[in-house]
PDB file of N, CA and C in Angstrom:
ATOM      1  N   MET A   1      52.728 -35.691 -32.090  1.00  0.00           N
ATOM      2  CA  MET A   1      54.100 -35.668 -32.192  1.00  0.00           C
ATOM      3  C   MET A   1      54.875 -37.003 -32.158  1.00  0.00           C
ATOM      4  N   GLN A   2      54.231 -37.965 -31.662  1.00  0.00           N
ATOM      5  CA  GLN A   2      54.746 -39.370 -31.637  1.00  0.00           C
ATOM      6  C   GLN A   2      55.166 -39.863 -33.064  1.00  0.00           C
ATOM      7  N   ILE A   3      54.068 -39.689 -33.985  1.00  0.00           N
ATOM      8  CA  ILE A   3      54.388 -40.143 -35.327  1.00  0.00           C
ATOM      9  C   ILE A   3      55.432 -39.416 -35.975  1.00  0.00           C
ATOM     10  N   LEU A   4      55.605 -38.145 -35.919  1.00  0.00           N
ATOM     11  CA  LEU A   4      56.801 -37.528 -36.449  1.00  0.00           C
ATOM     12  C   LEU A   4      57.995 -37.907 -35.906  1.00  0.00           C
ATOM     13  N   GLN A   5      58.008 -38.133 -34.514  1.00  0.00           N
ATOM     14  CA  GLN A   5      59.247 -38.624 -33.895  1.00  0.00           C
ATOM     15  C   GLN A   5      59.742 -39.990 -34.413  1.00  0.00           C
ATOM     16  N   ASP A   6      58.610 -40.954 -34.729  1.00  0.00           N
ATOM     17  CA  ASP A   6      58.973 -42.236 -35.149  1.00  0.00           C
ATOM     18  C   ASP A   6      59.448 -42.132 -36.592  1.00  0.00           C
ATOM     19  N   LEU A   7      58.913 -41.377 -37.386  1.00  0.00           N
ATOM     20  CA  LEU A   7      59.320 -41.066 -38.689  1.00  0.00           C
ATOM     21  C   LEU A   7      60.852 -40.660 -38.944  1.00  0.00           C
ATOM     22  N   ARG A   8      61.039 -39.817 -37.998  1.00  0.00           N
ATOM     23  CA  ARG A   8      62.565 -39.257 -37.968  1.00  0.00           C
ATOM     24  C   ARG A   8      63.510 -40.280 -37.549  1.00  0.00           C
ATOM     25  N   GLU A   9      63.034 -40.966 -36.337  1.00  0.00           N
ATOM     26  CA  GLU A   9      64.106 -41.893 -35.855  1.00  0.00           C
ATOM     27  C   GLU A   9      64.119 -43.302 -36.554  1.00  0.00           C
ATOM     28  N   ARG A  10      62.969 -43.774 -36.877  1.00  0.00           N
ATOM     29  CA  ARG A  10      63.083 -45.212 -37.617  1.00  0.00           C
ATOM     30  C   ARG A  10      63.357 -45.132 -39.083  1.00  0.00           C
ATOM     31  N   ARG A  11      62.884 -43.923 -39.743  1.00  0.00           N
ATOM     32  CA  ARG A  11      63.074 -44.010 -41.068  1.00  0.00           C
ATOM     33  C   ARG A  11      64.065 -42.869 -41.648  1.00  0.00           C
ATOM     34  N   ALA A  12      64.564 -42.137 -40.647  1.00  0.00           N
ATOM     35  CA  ALA A  12      65.707 -41.045 -41.188  1.00  0.00           C
ATOM     36  C   ALA A  12      65.027 -40.119 -42.036  1.00  0.00           C
ATOM     37  N   ILE A  13      63.813 -39.625 -41.801  1.00  0.00           N
ATOM     38  CA  ILE A  13      63.120 -38.714 -42.715  1.00  0.00           C
ATOM     39  C   ILE A  13      63.279 -37.415 -41.905  1.00  0.00           C
ATOM     40  N   THR A  14      63.568 -36.373 -42.831  1.00  0.00           N
ATOM     41  CA  THR A  14      63.811 -34.957 -42.262  1.00  0.00           C
ATOM     42  C   THR A  14      62.371 -34.352 -42.337  1.00  0.00           C
ATOM     43  N   ILE A  15      61.882 -33.739 -41.240  1.00  0.00           N
ATOM     44  CA  ILE A  15      60.669 -33.114 -41.148  1.00  0.00           C
ATOM     45  C   ILE A  15      60.830 -31.576 -40.805  1.00  0.00           C
ATOM     46  N   VAL A  16      60.281 -30.815 -41.512  1.00  0.00           N
ATOM     47  CA  VAL A  16      60.373 -29.338 -41.290  1.00  0.00           C
ATOM     48  C   VAL A  16      58.876 -28.956 -40.842  1.00  0.00           C
ATOM     49  N   LEU A  17      58.800 -28.451 -39.565  1.00  0.00           N
ATOM     50  CA  LEU A  17      57.639 -28.103 -38.761  1.00  0.00           C
ATOM     51  C   LEU A  17      57.678 -26.692 -38.486  1.00  0.00           C
ATOM     52  N   ILE A  18      56.618 -25.926 -38.924  1.00  0.00           N
ATOM     53  CA  ILE A  18      56.617 -24.492 -38.748  1.00  0.00           C
ATOM     54  C   ILE A  18      55.546 -24.275 -37.668  1.00  0.00           C
ATOM     55  N   THR A  19      55.952 -23.597 -36.625  1.00  0.00           N
ATOM     56  CA  THR A  19      55.087 -23.248 -35.509  1.00  0.00           C
ATOM     57  C   THR A  19      55.507 -21.972 -34.754  1.00  0.00           C
ATOM     58  N   HIS A  20      54.503 -21.335 -34.094  1.00  0.00           N
ATOM     59  CA  HIS A  20      54.694 -20.261 -33.123  1.00  0.00           C
ATOM     60  C   HIS A  20      54.946 -20.703 -31.624  1.00  0.00           C
ATOM     61  N   GLU A  21      54.745 -21.968 -31.522  1.00  0.00           N
ATOM     62  CA  GLU A  21      54.699 -22.460 -30.150  1.00  0.00           C
ATOM     63  C   GLU A  21      56.067 -23.066 -29.693  1.00  0.00           C
ATOM     64  N   PRO A  22      56.769 -22.350 -28.643  1.00  0.00           N
ATOM     65  CA  PRO A  22      57.923 -22.932 -28.265  1.00  0.00           C
ATOM     66  C   PRO A  22      58.076 -24.346 -27.659  1.00  0.00           C
ATOM     67  N   ASP A  23      56.918 -24.827 -27.228  1.00  0.00           N
ATOM     68  CA  ASP A  23      56.857 -26.183 -26.605  1.00  0.00           C
ATOM     69  C   ASP A  23      56.747 -27.196 -27.802  1.00  0.00           C
ATOM     70  N   ILE A  24      56.116 -26.886 -28.954  1.00  0.00           N
ATOM     71  CA  ILE A  24      56.097 -27.627 -30.107  1.00  0.00           C
ATOM     72  C   ILE A  24      57.600 -27.809 -30.748  1.00  0.00           C
ATOM     73  N   ALA A  25      58.201 -26.569 -30.800  1.00  0.00           N
ATOM     74  CA  ALA A  25      59.496 -26.250 -31.246  1.00  0.00           C
ATOM     75  C   ALA A  25      60.474 -27.184 -30.543  1.00  0.00           C
ATOM     76  N   ALA A  26      60.411 -27.126 -29.417  1.00  0.00           N
ATOM     77  CA  ALA A  26      61.190 -27.997 -28.476  1.00  0.00           C
ATOM     78  C   ALA A  26      61.244 -29.559 -28.854  1.00  0.00           C
ATOM     79  N   TYR A  27      60.366 -29.947 -29.631  1.00  0.00           N
ATOM     80  CA  TYR A  27      60.579 -31.488 -30.120  1.00  0.00           C
ATOM     81  C   TYR A  27      61.658 -31.618 -31.075  1.00  0.00           C
ATOM     82  N   GLY A  28      62.090 -30.510 -31.942  1.00  0.00           N
ATOM     83  CA  GLY A  28      62.978 -30.600 -32.829  1.00  0.00           C
ATOM     84  C   GLY A  28      64.469 -30.542 -32.545  1.00  0.00           C
ATOM     85  N   SER A  29      65.319 -31.040 -33.255  1.00  0.00           N
ATOM     86  CA  SER A  29      66.580 -31.114 -32.988  1.00  0.00           C
ATOM     87  C   SER A  29      67.401 -29.707 -33.324  1.00  0.00           C
ATOM     88  N   ARG A  30      66.801 -28.844 -34.117  1.00  0.00           N
ATOM     89  CA  ARG A  30      67.234 -27.586 -34.478  1.00  0.00           C
ATOM     90  C   ARG A  30      66.225 -26.684 -34.568  1.00  0.00           C
ATOM     91  N   ILE A  31      66.391 -25.521 -34.016  1.00  0.00           N
ATOM     92  CA  ILE A  31      65.297 -24.415 -34.114  1.00  0.00           C
ATOM     93  C   ILE A  31      65.916 -23.185 -34.840  1.00  0.00           C
ATOM     94  N   ILE A  32      65.078 -22.796 -35.875  1.00  0.00           N
ATOM     95  CA  ILE A  32      65.530 -21.711 -36.737  1.00  0.00           C
ATOM     96  C   ILE A  32      64.420 -20.658 -36.610  1.00  0.00           C
ATOM     97  N   ALA A  33      64.720 -19.485 -35.955  1.00  0.00           N
ATOM     98  CA  ALA A  33      63.846 -18.412 -35.825  1.00  0.00           C
ATOM     99  C   ALA A  33      63.809 -17.369 -36.926  1.00  0.00           C
ATOM    100  N   MET A  34      62.648 -16.858 -37.287  1.00  0.00           N
ATOM    101  CA  MET A  34      62.588 -15.857 -38.522  1.00  0.00           C
ATOM    102  C   MET A  34      61.825 -14.646 -37.904  1.00  0.00           C
ATOM    103  N   ARG A  35      62.090 -13.575 -38.686  1.00  0.00           N
ATOM    104  CA  ARG A  35      61.316 -12.391 -38.440  1.00  0.00           C
ATOM    105  C   ARG A  35      61.392 -11.614 -39.764  1.00  0.00           C
ATOM    106  N   ASP A  36      60.215 -11.232 -40.139  1.00  0.00           N
ATOM    107  CA  ASP A  36      59.876 -10.440 -41.436  1.00  0.00           C
ATOM    108  C   ASP A  36      60.591 -11.179 -42.681  1.00  0.00           C
ATOM    109  N   GLY A  37      60.577 -12.538 -42.776  1.00  0.00           N
ATOM    110  CA  GLY A  37      61.173 -13.322 -43.732  1.00  0.00           C
ATOM    111  C   GLY A  37      62.627 -13.578 -43.564  1.00  0.00           C
ATOM    112  N   ALA A  38      63.415 -13.069 -42.641  1.00  0.00           N
ATOM    113  CA  ALA A  38      64.883 -13.283 -42.532  1.00  0.00           C
ATOM    114  C   ALA A  38      65.085 -14.080 -41.357  1.00  0.00           C
ATOM    115  N   ILE A  39      65.979 -14.939 -41.422  1.00  0.00           N
ATOM    116  CA  ILE A  39      66.593 -15.814 -40.402  1.00  0.00           C
ATOM    117  C   ILE A  39      67.266 -14.906 -39.334  1.00  0.00           C
ATOM    118  N   ILE A  40      66.850 -14.971 -38.124  1.00  0.00           N
ATOM    119  CA  ILE A  40      67.397 -14.231 -37.005  1.00  0.00           C
ATOM    120  C   ILE A  40      68.307 -15.152 -36.074  1.00  0.00           C
ATOM    121  N   SER A  41      68.033 -16.491 -36.166  1.00  0.00           N
ATOM    122  CA  SER A  41      68.829 -17.206 -35.311  1.00  0.00           C
ATOM    123  C   SER A  41      68.622 -18.736 -35.942  1.00  0.00           C
ATOM    124  N   ASP A  42      69.641 -19.704 -35.794  1.00  0.00           N
ATOM    125  CA  ASP A  42      69.749 -20.926 -36.260  1.00  0.00           C
ATOM    126  C   ASP A  42      70.574 -21.743 -35.202  1.00  0.00           C
ATOM    127  N   LYS A  43      70.094 -22.536 -34.443  1.00  0.00           N
ATOM    128  CA  LYS A  43      70.752 -23.256 -33.416  1.00  0.00           C
ATOM    129  C   LYS A  43      70.299 -24.567 -33.025  1.00  0.00           C
ATOM    130  N   ALA A  44      71.112 -25.502 -32.549  1.00  0.00           N
ATOM    131  CA  ALA A  44      70.835 -26.808 -32.089  1.00  0.00           C
ATOM    132  C   ALA A  44      70.152 -26.886 -30.881  1.00  0.00           C
ATOM    133  N   ASN A  45      68.987 -27.594 -30.765  1.00  0.00           N
ATOM    134  CA  ASN A  45      68.114 -27.607 -29.566  1.00  0.00           C
ATOM    135  C   ASN A  45      68.739 -28.390 -28.637  1.00  0.00           C
ATOM    136  N   THR A  46      69.705 -27.864 -27.662  1.00  0.00           N
ATOM    137  CA  THR A  46      70.425 -28.622 -26.773  1.00  0.00           C
ATOM    138  C   THR A  46      69.369 -29.001 -25.695  1.00  0.00           C
ATOM    139  N   ARG A  47      68.341 -28.568 -25.352  1.00  0.00           N
ATOM    140  CA  ARG A  47      67.348 -28.978 -24.389  1.00  0.00           C
ATOM    141  C   ARG A  47      66.759 -30.216 -24.804  1.00  0.00           C
ATOM    142  N   ARG A  48      66.544 -30.520 -26.029  1.00  0.00           N
ATOM    143  CA  ARG A  48      65.898 -31.624 -26.583  1.00  0.00           C
ATOM    144  C   ARG A  48      66.997 -32.943 -26.359  1.00  0.00           C
ATOM    145  N   ARG A  49      68.250 -32.430 -26.800  1.00  0.00           N
ATOM    146  CA  ARG A  49      69.218 -33.423 -26.584  1.00  0.00           C
ATOM    147  C   ARG A  49      69.483 -33.821 -25.192  1.00  0.00           C
ATOM    148  N   ALA A  50      69.294 -33.017 -24.263  1.00  0.00           N
ATOM    149  CA  ALA A  50      69.330 -33.233 -22.847  1.00  0.00           C
ATOM    150  C   ALA A  50      68.443 -34.122 -22.227  1.00  0.00           C
ATOM    151  N   LEU A  51      67.052 -34.045 -22.957  1.00  0.00           N
ATOM    152  CA  LEU A  51      65.927 -34.765 -22.540  1.00  0.00           C
ATOM    153  C   LEU A  51      65.782 -36.062 -23.193  1.00  0.00           C
ATOM    154  N   GLU A  52      66.478 -36.320 -24.215  1.00  0.00           N
ATOM    155  CA  GLU A  52      66.336 -37.548 -24.933  1.00  0.00           C
ATOM    156  C   GLU A  52      66.568 -38.791 -24.177  1.00  0.00           C
ATOM    157  N   ASN A  53      67.396 -38.799 -23.182  1.00  0.00           N
ATOM    158  CA  ASN A  53      67.697 -39.908 -22.413  1.00  0.00           C
ATOM    159  C   ASN A  53      66.925 -40.064 -21.084  1.00  0.00           C
ATOM    160  N   VAL A  54      66.090 -39.105 -21.018  1.00  0.00           N
ATOM    161  CA  VAL A  54      65.199 -38.982 -19.762  1.00  0.00           C
ATOM    162  C   VAL A  54      63.757 -39.381 -20.045  1.00  0.00           C
ATOM    163  N   GLN A  55      63.128 -40.162 -19.465  1.00  0.00           N
ATOM    164  CA  GLN A  55      61.794 -40.599 -19.576  1.00  0.00           C
ATOM    165  C   GLN A  55      60.931 -39.764 -18.672  1.00  0.00           C
ATOM    166  N   ILE A  56      60.106 -38.847 -19.261  1.00  0.00           N
ATOM    167  CA  ILE A  56      59.269 -37.918 -18.335  1.00  0.00           C
ATOM    168  C   ILE A  56      57.890 -38.085 -18.987  1.00  0.00           C
ATOM    169  N   PRO A  57      56.807 -38.158 -18.092  1.00  0.00           N
ATOM    170  CA  PRO A  57      55.505 -38.206 -18.655  1.00  0.00           C
ATOM    171  C   PRO A  57      55.156 -36.790 -19.456  1.00  0.00           C
ATOM    172  N   GLY A  58      54.402 -36.869 -20.428  1.00  0.00           N
ATOM    173  CA  GLY A  58      54.038 -35.760 -21.382  1.00  0.00           C
ATOM    174  C   GLY A  58      53.904 -34.357 -20.704  1.00  0.00           C
ATOM    175  N   ALA A  59      53.016 -34.220 -19.747  1.00  0.00           N
ATOM    176  CA  ALA A  59      52.949 -33.099 -19.124  1.00  0.00           C
ATOM    177  C   ALA A  59      54.114 -32.441 -18.522  1.00  0.00           C
ATOM    178  N   ALA A  60      55.044 -33.289 -17.878  1.00  0.00           N
ATOM    179  CA  ALA A  60      56.331 -32.731 -17.520  1.00  0.00           C
ATOM    180  C   ALA A  60      57.300 -32.268 -18.486  1.00  0.00           C
ATOM    181  N   VAL A  61      57.103 -32.843 -19.568  1.00  0.00           N
ATOM    182  CA  VAL A  61      58.090 -32.572 -20.737  1.00  0.00           C
ATOM    183  C   VAL A  61      57.853 -31.162 -21.175  1.00  0.00           C
ATOM    184  N   ALA A  62      56.526 -30.891 -21.268  1.00  0.00           N
ATOM    185  CA  ALA A  62      56.311 -29.459 -21.798  1.00  0.00           C
ATOM    186  C   ALA A  62      56.790 -28.517 -20.754  1.00  0.00           C
ATOM    187  N   ALA A  63      56.784 -28.866 -19.450  1.00  0.00           N
ATOM    188  CA  ALA A  63      57.290 -27.948 -18.414  1.00  0.00           C
ATOM    189  C   ALA A  63      58.848 -27.811 -18.472  1.00  0.00           C
ATOM    190  N   ALA A  64      59.340 -28.918 -18.634  1.00  0.00           N
ATOM    191  CA  ALA A  64      60.764 -29.169 -18.611  1.00  0.00           C
ATOM    192  C   ALA A  64      61.397 -28.340 -19.730  1.00  0.00           C
ATOM    193  N   HIS A  65      60.744 -28.289 -20.985  1.00  0.00           N
ATOM    194  CA  HIS A  65      61.081 -27.498 -22.057  1.00  0.00           C
ATOM    195  C   HIS A  65      61.175 -25.894 -21.858  1.00  0.00           C
ATOM    196  N   GLN A  66      60.482 -25.459 -20.737  1.00  0.00           N
ATOM    197  CA  GLN A  66      60.371 -23.997 -20.464  1.00  0.00           C
ATOM    198  C   GLN A  66      61.373 -23.489 -19.420  1.00  0.00           C
ATOM    199  N   ILE A  67      62.311 -24.345 -19.010  1.00  0.00           N
ATOM    200  CA  ILE A  67      63.295 -24.152 -18.065  1.00  0.00           C
ATOM    201  C   ILE A  67      64.306 -23.288 -18.646  1.00  0.00           C
TER     202      ILE A  67
END
């Protein structure tokens, strides 16, 4: 995930990541949920923005995303 974050931050590259895992989706700045090929929600990831200024070890980050 660090490589993807570096690409996004240092080179301003847009990355589209498809996952079923909420803890992986939590790394994104935007989460779009789909069901049966249709978008059911599209929202900014406010949890990620809240955690950007906090330095937390990796294991704690995953737990913090589930709050």
